[in-house]
PDB file of N, CA and C in Angstrom:
ATOM      1  N   MET A   1       0.848  -1.170   0.000  1.00  0.00           N
ATOM      2  CA  MET A   1       0.000   0.000   0.000  1.00  0.00           C
ATOM      3  C   MET A   1       0.897   1.238   0.000  1.00  0.00           C
ATOM      4  N   PRO A   2       0.759   2.113  -0.988  1.00  0.00           N
ATOM      5  CA  PRO A   2       1.597   3.316  -1.046  1.00  0.00           C
ATOM      6  C   PRO A   2       1.320   4.256   0.123  1.00  0.00           C
ATOM      7  N   GLY A   3       2.381   4.760   0.702  1.00  0.00           N
ATOM      8  CA  GLY A   3       2.241   5.702   1.817  1.00  0.00           C
ATOM      9  C   GLY A   3       2.000   5.034   3.154  1.00  0.00           C
ATOM     10  N   GLY A   4       1.846   3.725   3.183  1.00  0.00           N
ATOM     11  CA  GLY A   4       1.605   3.006   4.424  1.00  0.00           C
ATOM     12  C   GLY A   4       2.906   2.620   5.101  1.00  0.00           C
ATOM     13  N   VAL A   5       2.760   2.029   6.263  1.00  0.00           N
ATOM     14  CA  VAL A   5       3.928   1.595   7.022  1.00  0.00           C
ATOM     15  C   VAL A   5       4.111   0.098   6.781  1.00  0.00           C
ATOM     16  N   SER A   6       5.314  -0.286   6.409  1.00  0.00           N
ATOM     17  CA  SER A   6       5.591  -1.691   6.150  1.00  0.00           C
ATOM     18  C   SER A   6       5.672  -2.455   7.485  1.00  0.00           C
ATOM     19  N   PRO A   7       5.484  -3.764   7.448  1.00  0.00           N
ATOM     20  CA  PRO A   7       5.575  -4.550   8.690  1.00  0.00           C
ATOM     21  C   PRO A   7       6.945  -4.433   9.364  1.00  0.00           C
ATOM     22  N   MET A   8       8.008  -4.289   8.564  1.00  0.00           N
ATOM     23  CA  MET A   8       9.344  -4.148   9.134  1.00  0.00           C
ATOM     24  C   MET A   8       9.471  -2.822   9.895  1.00  0.00           C
ATOM     25  N   GLN A   9       8.937  -1.741   9.320  1.00  0.00           N
ATOM     26  CA  GLN A   9       8.983  -0.445   9.998  1.00  0.00           C
ATOM     27  C   GLN A   9       8.123  -0.465  11.255  1.00  0.00           C
ATOM     28  N   ARG A  10       6.976  -1.125  11.183  1.00  0.00           N
ATOM     29  CA  ARG A  10       6.107  -1.233  12.356  1.00  0.00           C
ATOM     30  C   ARG A  10       6.800  -2.003  13.485  1.00  0.00           C
ATOM     31  N   ARG A  11       7.488  -3.081  13.127  1.00  0.00           N
ATOM     32  CA  ARG A  11       8.191  -3.875  14.130  1.00  0.00           C
ATOM     33  C   ARG A  11       9.319  -3.066  14.760  1.00  0.00           C
ATOM     34  N   ARG A  12      10.061  -2.299  13.944  1.00  0.00           N
ATOM     35  CA  ARG A  12      11.137  -1.463  14.492  1.00  0.00           C
ATOM     36  C   ARG A  12      10.586  -0.397  15.419  1.00  0.00           C
ATOM     37  N   ARG A  13       9.459   0.198  15.038  1.00  0.00           N
ATOM     38  CA  ARG A  13       8.843   1.211  15.894  1.00  0.00           C
ATOM     39  C   ARG A  13       8.376   0.594  17.210  1.00  0.00           C
ATOM     40  N   ASN A  14       7.787  -0.609  17.147  1.00  0.00           N
ATOM     41  CA  ASN A  14       7.319  -1.272  18.368  1.00  0.00           C
ATOM     42  C   ASN A  14       8.474  -1.618  19.303  1.00  0.00           C
ATOM     43  N   VAL A  15       9.590  -2.056  18.745  1.00  0.00           N
ATOM     44  CA  VAL A  15      10.760  -2.366  19.572  1.00  0.00           C
ATOM     45  C   VAL A  15      11.302  -1.092  20.211  1.00  0.00           C
ATOM     46  N   LEU A  16      11.346  -0.015  19.439  1.00  0.00           N
ATOM     47  CA  LEU A  16      11.832   1.257  19.974  1.00  0.00           C
ATOM     48  C   LEU A  16      10.937   1.764  21.104  1.00  0.00           C
ATOM     49  N   VAL A  17       9.623   1.668  20.938  1.00  0.00           N
ATOM     50  CA  VAL A  17       8.691   2.104  21.977  1.00  0.00           C
ATOM     51  C   VAL A  17       8.816   1.223  23.205  1.00  0.00           C
ATOM     52  N   ALA A  18       8.980  -0.085  23.026  1.00  0.00           N
ATOM     53  CA  ALA A  18       9.113  -0.995  24.164  1.00  0.00           C
ATOM     54  C   ALA A  18      10.398  -0.711  24.947  1.00  0.00           C
ATOM     55  N   LEU A  19      11.491  -0.450  24.252  1.00  0.00           N
ATOM     56  CA  LEU A  19      12.740  -0.129  24.951  1.00  0.00           C
ATOM     57  C   LEU A  19      12.637   1.205  25.688  1.00  0.00           C
ATOM     58  N   ALA A  20      11.982   2.190  25.076  1.00  0.00           N
ATOM     59  CA  ALA A  20      11.801   3.485  25.752  1.00  0.00           C
ATOM     60  C   ALA A  20      10.896   3.322  26.975  1.00  0.00           C
ATOM     61  N   ALA A  21       9.864   2.493  26.867  1.00  0.00           N
ATOM     62  CA  ALA A  21       8.980   2.240  28.011  1.00  0.00           C
ATOM     63  C   ALA A  21       9.738   1.537  29.125  1.00  0.00           C
ATOM     64  N   ALA A  22      10.633   0.618  28.779  1.00  0.00           N
ATOM     65  CA  ALA A  22      11.433  -0.062  29.793  1.00  0.00           C
ATOM     66  C   ALA A  22      12.351   0.921  30.504  1.00  0.00           C
ATOM     67  N   VAL A  23      12.926   1.855  29.778  1.00  0.00           N
ATOM     68  CA  VAL A  23      13.800   2.862  30.390  1.00  0.00           C
ATOM     69  C   VAL A  23      13.005   3.702  31.385  1.00  0.00           C
ATOM     70  N   VAL A  24      11.847   4.169  30.968  1.00  0.00           N
ATOM     71  CA  VAL A  24      11.015   4.997  31.854  1.00  0.00           C
ATOM     72  C   VAL A  24      10.558   4.194  33.062  1.00  0.00           C
ATOM     73  N   PHE A  25      10.120   2.954  32.851  1.00  0.00           N
ATOM     74  CA  PHE A  25       9.650   2.113  33.945  1.00  0.00           C
ATOM     75  C   PHE A  25      10.749   1.874  34.973  1.00  0.00           C
ATOM     76  N   PHE A  26      11.918   1.465  34.506  1.00  0.00           N
ATOM     77  CA  PHE A  26      13.002   1.177  35.455  1.00  0.00           C
ATOM     78  C   PHE A  26      13.511   2.442  36.135  1.00  0.00           C
ATOM     79  N   PHE A  27      13.435   3.579  35.463  1.00  0.00           N
ATOM     80  CA  PHE A  27      13.828   4.827  36.116  1.00  0.00           C
ATOM     81  C   PHE A  27      12.867   5.159  37.256  1.00  0.00           C
ATOM     82  N   LEU A  28      11.569   5.034  37.004  1.00  0.00           N
ATOM     83  CA  LEU A  28      10.592   5.335  38.059  1.00  0.00           C
ATOM     84  C   LEU A  28      10.683   4.339  39.211  1.00  0.00           C
ATOM     85  N   VAL A  29      10.868   3.074  38.889  1.00  0.00           N
ATOM     86  CA  VAL A  29      11.009   2.057  39.954  1.00  0.00           C
ATOM     87  C   VAL A  29      12.293   2.302  40.734  1.00  0.00           C
ATOM     88  N   ALA A  30      13.358   2.695  40.084  1.00  0.00           N
ATOM     89  CA  ALA A  30      14.623   2.957  40.776  1.00  0.00           C
ATOM     90  C   ALA A  30      14.500   4.172  41.683  1.00  0.00           C
ATOM     91  N   LEU A  31      13.727   5.177  41.274  1.00  0.00           N
ATOM     92  CA  LEU A  31      13.516   6.338  42.135  1.00  0.00           C
ATOM     93  C   LEU A  31      12.734   5.956  43.395  1.00  0.00           C
ATOM     94  N   VAL A  32      11.740   5.103  43.228  1.00  0.00           N
ATOM     95  CA  VAL A  32      10.899   4.712  44.371  1.00  0.00           C
ATOM     96  C   VAL A  32      11.648   3.762  45.293  1.00  0.00           C
ATOM     97  N   MET A  33      12.307   2.754  44.734  1.00  0.00           N
ATOM     98  CA  MET A  33      12.933   1.726  45.562  1.00  0.00           C
ATOM     99  C   MET A  33      14.342   2.110  46.001  1.00  0.00           C
ATOM    100  N   SER A  34      15.009   2.909  45.236  1.00  0.00           N
ATOM    101  CA  SER A  34      16.404   3.302  45.479  1.00  0.00           C
ATOM    102  C   SER A  34      17.312   2.107  45.775  1.00  0.00           C
ATOM    103  N   SER A  35      17.182   1.089  44.962  1.00  0.00           N
ATOM    104  CA  SER A  35      17.998  -0.112  45.084  1.00  0.00           C
ATOM    105  C   SER A  35      19.044  -0.124  43.965  1.00  0.00           C
ATOM    106  N   MET A  36      20.231  -0.558  44.300  1.00  0.00           N
ATOM    107  CA  MET A  36      21.295  -0.619  43.295  1.00  0.00           C
ATOM    108  C   MET A  36      20.965  -1.639  42.205  1.00  0.00           C
ATOM    109  N   PHE A  37      20.256  -2.682  42.567  1.00  0.00           N
ATOM    110  CA  PHE A  37      19.886  -3.709  41.599  1.00  0.00           C
ATOM    111  C   PHE A  37      18.948  -3.130  40.535  1.00  0.00           C
ATOM    112  N   VAL A  38      18.003  -2.312  40.945  1.00  0.00           N
ATOM    113  CA  VAL A  38      17.068  -1.699  39.998  1.00  0.00           C
ATOM    114  C   VAL A  38      17.784  -0.641  39.160  1.00  0.00           C
ATOM    115  N   TRP A  39      18.731   0.095  39.750  1.00  0.00           N
ATOM    116  CA  TRP A  39      19.519   1.054  38.978  1.00  0.00           C
ATOM    117  C   TRP A  39      20.338   0.333  37.912  1.00  0.00           C
ATOM    118  N   LEU A  40      20.803  -0.865  38.220  1.00  0.00           N
ATOM    119  CA  LEU A  40      21.531  -1.656  37.228  1.00  0.00           C
ATOM    120  C   LEU A  40      20.626  -2.010  36.051  1.00  0.00           C
ATOM    121  N   PHE A  41      19.378  -2.418  36.347  1.00  0.00           N
ATOM    122  CA  PHE A  41      18.423  -2.692  35.272  1.00  0.00           C
ATOM    123  C   PHE A  41      18.138  -1.431  34.448  1.00  0.00           C
ATOM    124  N   PHE A  42      18.054  -0.296  35.117  1.00  0.00           N
ATOM    125  CA  PHE A  42      17.843   0.965  34.414  1.00  0.00           C
ATOM    126  C   PHE A  42      19.002   1.248  33.457  1.00  0.00           C
ATOM    127  N   LEU A  43      20.227   1.093  33.931  1.00  0.00           N
ATOM    128  CA  LEU A  43      21.393   1.342  33.077  1.00  0.00           C
ATOM    129  C   LEU A  43      21.466   0.356  31.912  1.00  0.00           C
ATOM    130  N   LEU A  44      21.091  -0.892  32.172  1.00  0.00           N
ATOM    131  CA  LEU A  44      21.072  -1.881  31.092  1.00  0.00           C
ATOM    132  C   LEU A  44      20.017  -1.522  30.039  1.00  0.00           C
ATOM    133  N   SER A  45      18.864  -1.048  30.480  1.00  0.00           N
ATOM    134  CA  SER A  45      17.826  -0.683  29.519  1.00  0.00           C
ATOM    135  C   SER A  45      18.228   0.563  28.732  1.00  0.00           C
ATOM    136  N   VAL A  46      18.907   1.513  29.384  1.00  0.00           N
ATOM    137  CA  VAL A  46      19.401   2.693  28.660  1.00  0.00           C
ATOM    138  C   VAL A  46      20.442   2.272  27.622  1.00  0.00           C
ATOM    139  N   GLY A  47      21.312   1.353  27.987  1.00  0.00           N
ATOM    140  CA  GLY A  47      22.312   0.852  27.034  1.00  0.00           C
ATOM    141  C   GLY A  47      21.674   0.126  25.864  1.00  0.00           C
ATOM    142  N   ALA A  48      20.637  -0.670  26.149  1.00  0.00           N
ATOM    143  CA  ALA A  48      19.942  -1.374  25.064  1.00  0.00           C
ATOM    144  C   ALA A  48      19.248  -0.391  24.131  1.00  0.00           C
ATOM    145  N   LEU A  49      18.622   0.642  24.701  1.00  0.00           N
ATOM    146  CA  LEU A  49      17.965   1.647  23.873  1.00  0.00           C
ATOM    147  C   LEU A  49      18.986   2.419  23.032  1.00  0.00           C
ATOM    148  N   GLY A  50      20.092   2.804  23.629  1.00  0.00           N
ATOM    149  CA  GLY A  50      21.130   3.512  22.893  1.00  0.00           C
ATOM    150  C   GLY A  50      21.720   2.664  21.778  1.00  0.00           C
ATOM    151  N   GLY A  51      21.974   1.399  22.054  1.00  0.00           N
ATOM    152  CA  GLY A  51      22.500   0.505  21.030  1.00  0.00           C
ATOM    153  C   GLY A  51      21.525   0.295  19.890  1.00  0.00           C
ATOM    154  N   TYR A  52      20.238   0.191  20.211  1.00  0.00           N
ATOM    155  CA  TYR A  52      19.230  -0.003  19.169  1.00  0.00           C
ATOM    156  C   TYR A  52      19.108   1.244  18.290  1.00  0.00           C
ATOM    157  N   VAL A  53      19.129   2.416  18.904  1.00  0.00           N
ATOM    158  CA  VAL A  53      19.066   3.662  18.133  1.00  0.00           C
ATOM    159  C   VAL A  53      20.299   3.791  17.240  1.00  0.00           C
ATOM    160  N   TYR A  54      21.462   3.424  17.761  1.00  0.00           N
ATOM    161  CA  TYR A  54      22.694   3.456  16.960  1.00  0.00           C
ATOM    162  C   TYR A  54      22.569   2.535  15.743  1.00  0.00           C
ATOM    163  N   LEU A  55      22.050   1.324  15.953  1.00  0.00           N
ATOM    164  CA  LEU A  55      21.893   0.387  14.835  1.00  0.00           C
ATOM    165  C   LEU A  55      20.876   0.895  13.819  1.00  0.00           C
ATOM    166  N   LEU A  56      19.802   1.521  14.280  1.00  0.00           N
ATOM    167  CA  LEU A  56      18.817   2.069  13.355  1.00  0.00           C
ATOM    168  C   LEU A  56      19.415   3.184  12.497  1.00  0.00           C
ATOM    169  N   ILE A  57      20.201   4.055  13.117  1.00  0.00           N
ATOM    170  CA  ILE A  57      20.819   5.149  12.369  1.00  0.00           C
ATOM    171  C   ILE A  57      21.835   4.608  11.372  1.00  0.00           C
ATOM    172  N   ARG A  58      22.626   3.630  11.796  1.00  0.00           N
ATOM    173  CA  ARG A  58      23.609   3.032  10.886  1.00  0.00           C
ATOM    174  C   ARG A  58      22.926   2.340   9.706  1.00  0.00           C
ATOM    175  N   TYR A  59      21.814   1.642   9.983  1.00  0.00           N
ATOM    176  CA  TYR A  59      21.076   0.969   8.916  1.00  0.00           C
ATOM    177  C   TYR A  59      20.497   1.993   7.943  1.00  0.00           C
ATOM    178  N   LYS A  60      20.014   3.111   8.457  1.00  0.00           N
ATOM    179  CA  LYS A  60      19.439   4.138   7.594  1.00  0.00           C
ATOM    180  C   LYS A  60      20.503   4.748   6.686  1.00  0.00           C
ATOM    181  N   HIS A  61      21.692   4.992   7.214  1.00  0.00           N
ATOM    182  CA  HIS A  61      22.770   5.551   6.399  1.00  0.00           C
ATOM    183  C   HIS A  61      23.230   4.559   5.339  1.00  0.00           C
ATOM    184  N   GLU A  62      23.295   3.282   5.679  1.00  0.00           N
ATOM    185  CA  GLU A  62      23.697   2.276   4.699  1.00  0.00           C
ATOM    186  C   GLU A  62      22.650   2.138   3.602  1.00  0.00           C
ATOM    187  N   ALA A  63      21.377   2.208   3.974  1.00  0.00           N
ATOM    188  CA  ALA A  63      20.311   2.110   2.975  1.00  0.00           C
ATOM    189  C   ALA A  63      20.325   3.320   2.056  1.00  0.00           C
ATOM    190  N   ALA A  64      20.608   4.492   2.608  1.00  0.00           N
ATOM    191  CA  ALA A  64      20.671   5.699   1.776  1.00  0.00           C
ATOM    192  C   ALA A  64      21.848   5.626   0.816  1.00  0.00           C
ATOM    193  N   ALA A  65      22.963   5.084   1.267  1.00  0.00           N
ATOM    194  CA  ALA A  65      24.132   4.954   0.392  1.00  0.00           C
ATOM    195  C   ALA A  65      23.898   3.887  -0.678  1.00  0.00           C
ATOM    196  N   ARG A  66      23.142   2.856  -0.335  1.00  0.00           N
ATOM    197  CA  ARG A  66      22.888   1.778  -1.275  1.00  0.00           C
ATOM    198  C   ARG A  66      21.999   2.249  -2.427  1.00  0.00           C
ATOM    199  N   TYR A  67      21.038   3.099  -2.134  1.00  0.00           N
ATOM    200  CA  TYR A  67      20.103   3.545  -3.152  1.00  0.00           C
ATOM    201  C   TYR A  67      20.413   4.950  -3.661  1.00  0.00           C
ATOM    202  N   ALA A  68      21.602   5.436  -3.418  1.00  0.00           N
ATOM    203  CA  ALA A  68      21.985   6.762  -3.903  1.00  0.00           C
ATOM    204  C   ALA A  68      22.177   6.705  -5.416  1.00  0.00           C
ATOM    205  N   PRO A  69      21.856   7.787  -6.096  1.00  0.00           N
ATOM    206  CA  PRO A  69      22.075   7.786  -7.546  1.00  0.00           C
ATOM    207  C   PRO A  69      23.566   7.704  -7.865  1.00  0.00           C
ATOM    208  N   PRO A  70      23.915   7.067  -8.960  1.00  0.00           N
ATOM    209  CA  PRO A  70      25.339   6.948  -9.294  1.00  0.00           C
ATOM    210  C   PRO A  70      25.952   8.308  -9.596  1.00  0.00           C
ATOM    211  N   LYS A  71      27.200   8.440  -9.253  1.00  0.00           N
ATOM    212  CA  LYS A  71      27.898   9.693  -9.500  1.00  0.00           C
ATOM    213  C   LYS A  71      28.338   9.758 -10.949  1.00  0.00           C
ATOM    214  N   ARG A  72      28.313  10.947 -11.500  1.00  0.00           N
ATOM    215  CA  ARG A  72      28.713  11.124 -12.886  1.00  0.00           C
ATOM    216  C   ARG A  72      30.230  11.045 -13.015  1.00  0.00           C
ATOM    217  N   VAL A  73      30.655  10.427 -14.067  1.00  0.00           N
ATOM    218  CA  VAL A  73      32.076  10.336 -14.373  1.00  0.00           C
ATOM    219  C   VAL A  73      32.298  11.120 -15.656  1.00  0.00           C
ATOM    220  N   TYR A  74      33.140  12.108 -15.571  1.00  0.00           N
ATOM    221  CA  TYR A  74      33.423  12.943 -16.722  1.00  0.00           C
ATOM    222  C   TYR A  74      34.718  12.472 -17.370  1.00  0.00           C
ATOM    223  N   ALA A  75      34.659  12.238 -18.677  1.00  0.00           N
ATOM    224  CA  ALA A  75      35.835  11.800 -19.418  1.00  0.00           C
ATOM    225  C   ALA A  75      36.577  13.022 -19.938  1.00  0.00           C
ATOM    226  N   THR A  76      37.866  12.960 -19.866  1.00  0.00           N
ATOM    227  CA  THR A  76      38.663  14.071 -20.395  1.00  0.00           C
ATOM    228  C   THR A  76      38.857  13.870 -21.890  1.00  0.00           C
ATOM    229  N   PRO A  77      38.727  14.920 -22.663  1.00  0.00           N
ATOM    230  CA  PRO A  77      38.904  14.766 -24.119  1.00  0.00           C
ATOM    231  C   PRO A  77      40.363  14.467 -24.466  1.00  0.00           C
ATOM    232  N   ILE A  78      40.527  13.667 -25.479  1.00  0.00           N
ATOM    233  CA  ILE A  78      41.869  13.305 -25.939  1.00  0.00           C
ATOM    234  C   ILE A  78      42.180  14.113 -27.185  1.00  0.00           C
ATOM    235  N   ALA A  79      43.301  14.786 -27.174  1.00  0.00           N
ATOM    236  CA  ALA A  79      43.701  15.598 -28.319  1.00  0.00           C
ATOM    237  C   ALA A  79      44.310  14.694 -29.379  1.00  0.00           C
ATOM    238  N   LYS A  80      43.788  14.793 -30.602  1.00  0.00           N
ATOM    239  CA  LYS A  80      44.333  14.009 -31.708  1.00  0.00           C
ATOM    240  C   LYS A  80      45.174  14.925 -32.585  1.00  0.00           C
ATOM    241  N   ASP A  81      46.335  14.433 -32.951  1.00  0.00           N
ATOM    242  CA  ASP A  81      47.223  15.226 -33.795  1.00  0.00           C
ATOM    243  C   ASP A  81      46.799  15.163 -35.263  1.00  0.00           C
ATOM    244  N   ASP A  82      46.530  13.983 -35.745  1.00  0.00           N
ATOM    245  CA  ASP A  82      46.230  13.795 -37.157  1.00  0.00           C
ATOM    246  C   ASP A  82      44.859  13.157 -37.283  1.00  0.00           C
ATOM    247  N   GLU A  83      43.967  13.778 -38.014  1.00  0.00           N
ATOM    248  CA  GLU A  83      42.608  13.274 -38.162  1.00  0.00           C
ATOM    249  C   GLU A  83      42.443  12.341 -39.356  1.00  0.00           C
ATOM    250  N   SER A  84      43.420  12.295 -40.251  1.00  0.00           N
ATOM    251  CA  SER A  84      43.275  11.466 -41.448  1.00  0.00           C
ATOM    252  C   SER A  84      43.509   9.999 -41.087  1.00  0.00           C
ATOM    253  N   PRO A  85      42.746   9.096 -41.705  1.00  0.00           N
ATOM    254  CA  PRO A  85      42.931   7.668 -41.406  1.00  0.00           C
ATOM    255  C   PRO A  85      44.243   7.155 -41.966  1.00  0.00           C
ATOM    256  N   LYS A  86      44.819   6.225 -41.276  1.00  0.00           N
ATOM    257  CA  LYS A  86      46.093   5.648 -41.685  1.00  0.00           C
ATOM    258  C   LYS A  86      45.849   4.249 -42.211  1.00  0.00           C
ATOM    259  N   VAL A  87      46.847   3.704 -42.905  1.00  0.00           N
ATOM    260  CA  VAL A  87      46.751   2.357 -43.437  1.00  0.00           C
ATOM    261  C   VAL A  87      46.704   1.380 -42.273  1.00  0.00           C
ATOM    262  N   GLY A  88      45.773   0.471 -42.336  1.00  0.00           N
ATOM    263  CA  GLY A  88      45.638  -0.505 -41.268  1.00  0.00           C
ATOM    264  C   GLY A  88      44.575  -0.132 -40.261  1.00  0.00           C
ATOM    265  N   ASP A  89      44.116   1.127 -40.284  1.00  0.00           N
ATOM    266  CA  ASP A  89      43.026   1.510 -39.397  1.00  0.00           C
ATOM    267  C   ASP A  89      41.741   0.856 -39.880  1.00  0.00           C
ATOM    268  N   ASN A  90      40.879   0.633 -38.995  1.00  0.00           N
ATOM    269  CA  ASN A  90      39.618   0.011 -39.323  1.00  0.00           C
ATOM    270  C   ASN A  90      38.624   1.110 -39.707  1.00  0.00           C
ATOM    271  N   VAL A  91      38.815   1.654 -40.919  1.00  0.00           N
ATOM    272  CA  VAL A  91      38.032   2.807 -41.363  1.00  0.00           C
ATOM    273  C   VAL A  91      37.402   2.474 -42.707  1.00  0.00           C
ATOM    274  N   ILE A  92      36.168   2.878 -42.865  1.00  0.00           N
ATOM    275  CA  ILE A  92      35.478   2.695 -44.155  1.00  0.00           C
ATOM    276  C   ILE A  92      35.588   4.011 -44.890  1.00  0.00           C
ATOM    277  N   LEU A  93      36.132   3.952 -46.088  1.00  0.00           N
ATOM    278  CA  LEU A  93      36.267   5.137 -46.916  1.00  0.00           C
ATOM    279  C   LEU A  93      35.188   5.120 -47.987  1.00  0.00           C
ATOM    280  N   LEU A  94      34.507   6.217 -48.120  1.00  0.00           N
ATOM    281  CA  LEU A  94      33.481   6.346 -49.164  1.00  0.00           C
ATOM    282  C   LEU A  94      34.112   7.057 -50.359  1.00  0.00           C
ATOM    283  N   ARG A  95      34.020   6.437 -51.517  1.00  0.00           N
ATOM    284  CA  ARG A  95      34.588   7.038 -52.727  1.00  0.00           C
ATOM    285  C   ARG A  95      33.447   7.306 -53.704  1.00  0.00           C
ATOM    286  N   ARG A  96      33.552   8.419 -54.346  1.00  0.00           N
ATOM    287  CA  ARG A  96      32.564   8.733 -55.363  1.00  0.00           C
ATOM    288  C   ARG A  96      33.208   8.533 -56.730  1.00  0.00           C
ATOM    289  N   SER A  97      32.435   7.964 -57.570  1.00  0.00           N
ATOM    290  CA  SER A  97      32.947   7.826 -58.935  1.00  0.00           C
ATOM    291  C   SER A  97      32.589   9.081 -59.713  1.00  0.00           C
ATOM    292  N   VAL A  98      33.591   9.673 -60.268  1.00  0.00           N
ATOM    293  CA  VAL A  98      33.363  10.909 -61.033  1.00  0.00           C
ATOM    294  C   VAL A  98      33.280  10.520 -62.493  1.00  0.00           C
ATOM    295  N   GLY A  99      32.325  10.974 -63.130  1.00  0.00           N
ATOM    296  CA  GLY A  99      32.393  10.604 -64.483  1.00  0.00           C
ATOM    297  C   GLY A  99      31.304  10.865 -65.321  1.00  0.00           C
TER     298      GLY A  99
END
C-alpha cells in the first residue's frame, strides 16, 4: 500500500517504543525503591535503547548509500594530432565515382 507503514517499519517502531517504556519504567522504579539492583536494570535498559538507536541510524545511512544515484564520471577529451585515417586503421572510406 503506497504511503503506508511496512511490517518491518512497524516492528522497528514497536521495539523502539518498548525499549523506551522499559527505560522509563526502570527509572521510576529505581527512584521509588532506590535499590542498586534496579539502577543496574535501568542502566542496562538505557544501554539497550542507545544501542538499538545506533543500529537504526547506521542501517538508515547504509540504505541511503545503497540507493543513492550513481555519481557522474566525466571523461577528459583526448587531443588528436592527425585526423586522417592511416593504413591498417579500421576505417570505411566512401569514394565517389566521377564521371
